[in-house]
Amino acid sequence: MKSAESNSLRNEKGYQGSTLDSFLQEEGVLEQMTSRAIKEVIAWQLGEAMRQRRMSKSALARVMRTSRTQVDRVLDPENGNVTLETLQKAAAVVGRRVELQLV
């Protein structure tokens, strides 16, 4: 049986505490973490598309007419300094496209 104190910490939906977004906002890192998460997802999706096509990083670089180092930056989830144009090129080579949306 739960104590009355334990129940008082839960909101009407049954969750305890704040949301992750509100926590990150309070810490002042929401925008940074959101950007990083987006880059990680894009890097993962590009990597998966390359694996499906059995395409190496060198082959991607050749088709994109760029360096292998640039491809490494695109596929590095930690590197957020990649232009939208570069992401669009990489996506097109693996048969995908980049979609952006303001919400």
C-alpha atoms as a PDB file:
ATOM      1  CA  MET A   1       0.000   0.000   0.000  1.00  0.00           C
ATOM      2  CA  LYS A   2       1.334   3.443  -0.949  1.00  0.00           C
ATOM      3  CA  SER A   3       1.735   6.127   1.616  1.00  0.00           C
ATOM      4  CA  ALA A   4      -0.222   9.363   1.440  1.00  0.00           C
ATOM      5  CA  GLU A   5       3.040  11.293   1.037  1.00  0.00           C
ATOM      6  CA  SER A   6       3.995   9.220  -2.019  1.00  0.00           C
ATOM      7  CA  ASN A   7       0.612   9.874  -3.624  1.00  0.00           C
ATOM      8  CA  SER A   8       0.879  13.620  -3.037  1.00  0.00           C
ATOM      9  CA  LEU A   9       4.023  13.785  -5.223  1.00  0.00           C
ATOM     10  CA  ARG A  10       2.154  12.550  -8.283  1.00  0.00           C
ATOM     11  CA  ASN A  11       0.186  14.808 -10.607  1.00  0.00           C
ATOM     12  CA  GLU A  12      -3.256  14.097 -12.025  1.00  0.00           C
ATOM     13  CA  LYS A  13      -1.817  11.870 -14.804  1.00  0.00           C
ATOM     14  CA  GLY A  14       0.126   9.771 -12.338  1.00  0.00           C
ATOM     15  CA  TYR A  15       3.587  11.099 -13.212  1.00  0.00           C
ATOM     16  CA  GLN A  16       6.025  12.139 -10.582  1.00  0.00           C
ATOM     17  CA  GLY A  17       8.072  15.306 -10.993  1.00  0.00           C
ATOM     18  CA  SER A  18       8.376  17.514 -14.038  1.00  0.00           C
ATOM     19  CA  THR A  19       8.788  16.661 -17.709  1.00  0.00           C
ATOM     20  CA  LEU A  20      12.222  16.201 -19.224  1.00  0.00           C
ATOM     21  CA  ASP A  21      11.679  19.295 -21.366  1.00  0.00           C
ATOM     22  CA  SER A  22      10.827  21.435 -18.350  1.00  0.00           C
ATOM     23  CA  PHE A  23      13.852  20.089 -16.455  1.00  0.00           C
ATOM     24  CA  LEU A  24      16.179  20.847 -19.389  1.00  0.00           C
ATOM     25  CA  GLN A  25      14.590  24.304 -19.739  1.00  0.00           C
ATOM     26  CA  GLU A  26      15.194  24.997 -16.038  1.00  0.00           C
ATOM     27  CA  GLU A  27      18.827  23.916 -16.491  1.00  0.00           C
ATOM     28  CA  GLY A  28      19.153  26.215 -19.519  1.00  0.00           C
ATOM     29  CA  VAL A  29      20.135  23.437 -21.946  1.00  0.00           C
ATOM     30  CA  LEU A  30      16.869  22.567 -23.732  1.00  0.00           C
ATOM     31  CA  GLU A  31      17.827  24.072 -27.107  1.00  0.00           C
ATOM     32  CA  GLN A  32      21.312  22.549 -27.015  1.00  0.00           C
ATOM     33  CA  MET A  33      20.007  19.089 -26.122  1.00  0.00           C
ATOM     34  CA  THR A  34      17.236  19.271 -28.731  1.00  0.00           C
ATOM     35  CA  SER A  35      19.760  20.174 -31.444  1.00  0.00           C
ATOM     36  CA  ARG A  36      22.047  17.363 -30.363  1.00  0.00           C
ATOM     37  CA  ALA A  37      19.209  14.839 -30.376  1.00  0.00           C
ATOM     38  CA  ILE A  38      18.165  15.899 -33.887  1.00  0.00           C
ATOM     39  CA  LYS A  39      21.742  15.529 -35.155  1.00  0.00           C
ATOM     40  CA  GLU A  40      22.052  12.098 -33.522  1.00  0.00           C
ATOM     41  CA  VAL A  41      18.865  10.888 -35.203  1.00  0.00           C
ATOM     42  CA  ILE A  42      19.913  12.232 -38.615  1.00  0.00           C
ATOM     43  CA  ALA A  43      23.379  10.666 -38.320  1.00  0.00           C
ATOM     44  CA  TRP A  44      21.825   7.338 -37.312  1.00  0.00           C
ATOM     45  CA  GLN A  45      19.293   7.449 -40.170  1.00  0.00           C
ATOM     46  CA  LEU A  46      22.010   8.234 -42.729  1.00  0.00           C
ATOM     47  CA  GLY A  47      24.160   5.421 -41.371  1.00  0.00           C
ATOM     48  CA  GLU A  48      21.245   2.983 -41.593  1.00  0.00           C
ATOM     49  CA  ALA A  49      20.459   4.044 -45.164  1.00  0.00           C
ATOM     50  CA  MET A  50      24.122   3.533 -46.074  1.00  0.00           C
ATOM     51  CA  ARG A  51      24.092   0.037 -44.544  1.00  0.00           C
ATOM     52  CA  GLN A  52      20.934  -0.855 -46.448  1.00  0.00           C
ATOM     53  CA  ARG A  53      22.611   0.229 -49.683  1.00  0.00           C
ATOM     54  CA  ARG A  54      25.908  -1.383 -48.651  1.00  0.00           C
ATOM     55  CA  MET A  55      27.615   1.947 -49.178  1.00  0.00           C
ATOM     56  CA  SER A  56      30.920   2.825 -47.549  1.00  0.00           C
ATOM     57  CA  LYS A  57      31.874   6.259 -46.262  1.00  0.00           C
ATOM     58  CA  SER A  58      34.399   6.560 -49.084  1.00  0.00           C
ATOM     59  CA  ALA A  59      31.738   5.771 -51.681  1.00  0.00           C
ATOM     60  CA  LEU A  60      29.380   8.346 -50.145  1.00  0.00           C
ATOM     61  CA  ALA A  61      32.172  10.938 -50.210  1.00  0.00           C
ATOM     62  CA  ARG A  62      32.912  10.192 -53.868  1.00  0.00           C
ATOM     63  CA  VAL A  63      29.281  10.584 -54.954  1.00  0.00           C
ATOM     64  CA  MET A  64      28.888  13.745 -52.859  1.00  0.00           C
ATOM     65  CA  ARG A  65      32.151  15.089 -54.322  1.00  0.00           C
ATOM     66  CA  THR A  66      33.499  15.789 -50.879  1.00  0.00           C
ATOM     67  CA  SER A  67      36.133  14.383 -48.544  1.00  0.00           C
ATOM     68  CA  ARG A  68      35.883  11.338 -46.348  1.00  0.00           C
ATOM     69  CA  THR A  69      36.532  13.714 -43.423  1.00  0.00           C
ATOM     70  CA  GLN A  70      33.376  15.667 -44.289  1.00  0.00           C
ATOM     71  CA  VAL A  71      31.371  12.428 -44.407  1.00  0.00           C
ATOM     72  CA  ASP A  72      32.781  11.530 -40.984  1.00  0.00           C
ATOM     73  CA  ARG A  73      31.494  14.883 -39.687  1.00  0.00           C
ATOM     74  CA  VAL A  74      28.042  14.232 -41.176  1.00  0.00           C
ATOM     75  CA  LEU A  75      27.851  10.798 -39.566  1.00  0.00           C
ATOM     76  CA  ASP A  76      29.282  11.905 -36.208  1.00  0.00           C
ATOM     77  CA  PRO A  77      26.334  12.330 -33.817  1.00  0.00           C
ATOM     78  CA  GLU A  78      28.477  14.587 -31.621  1.00  0.00           C
ATOM     79  CA  ASN A  79      29.330  17.024 -34.429  1.00  0.00           C
ATOM     80  CA  GLY A  80      26.616  19.617 -34.835  1.00  0.00           C
ATOM     81  CA  ASN A  81      28.598  21.798 -37.245  1.00  0.00           C
ATOM     82  CA  VAL A  82      27.251  20.381 -40.488  1.00  0.00           C
ATOM     83  CA  THR A  83      25.396  22.540 -42.979  1.00  0.00           C
ATOM     84  CA  LEU A  84      21.883  21.825 -44.099  1.00  0.00           C
ATOM     85  CA  GLU A  85      23.162  21.679 -47.681  1.00  0.00           C
ATOM     86  CA  THR A  86      25.608  18.902 -46.761  1.00  0.00           C
ATOM     87  CA  LEU A  87      22.888  16.944 -44.975  1.00  0.00           C
ATOM     88  CA  GLN A  88      20.627  17.302 -48.010  1.00  0.00           C
ATOM     89  CA  LYS A  89      23.371  16.055 -50.346  1.00  0.00           C
ATOM     90  CA  ALA A  90      24.086  13.035 -48.159  1.00  0.00           C
ATOM     91  CA  ALA A  91      20.398  12.224 -47.843  1.00  0.00           C
ATOM     92  CA  ALA A  92      19.877  12.437 -51.610  1.00  0.00           C
ATOM     93  CA  VAL A  93      22.763  10.044 -52.270  1.00  0.00           C
ATOM     94  CA  VAL A  94      21.145   7.378 -50.073  1.00  0.00           C
ATOM     95  CA  GLY A  95      17.691   7.958 -51.546  1.00  0.00           C
ATOM     96  CA  ARG A  96      16.285  10.084 -48.744  1.00  0.00           C
ATOM     97  CA  ARG A  97      15.519  13.749 -48.197  1.00  0.00           C
ATOM     98  CA  VAL A  98      15.737  16.131 -45.276  1.00  0.00           C
ATOM     99  CA  GLU A  99      12.481  17.673 -44.074  1.00  0.00           C
ATOM    100  CA  LEU A 100      12.387  20.607 -41.679  1.00  0.00           C
ATOM    101  CA  GLN A 101       9.354  21.912 -39.892  1.00  0.00           C
ATOM    102  CA  LEU A 102       8.690  24.739 -37.466  1.00  0.00           C
ATOM    103  CA  VAL A 103       6.265  23.746 -34.745  1.00  0.00           C
END
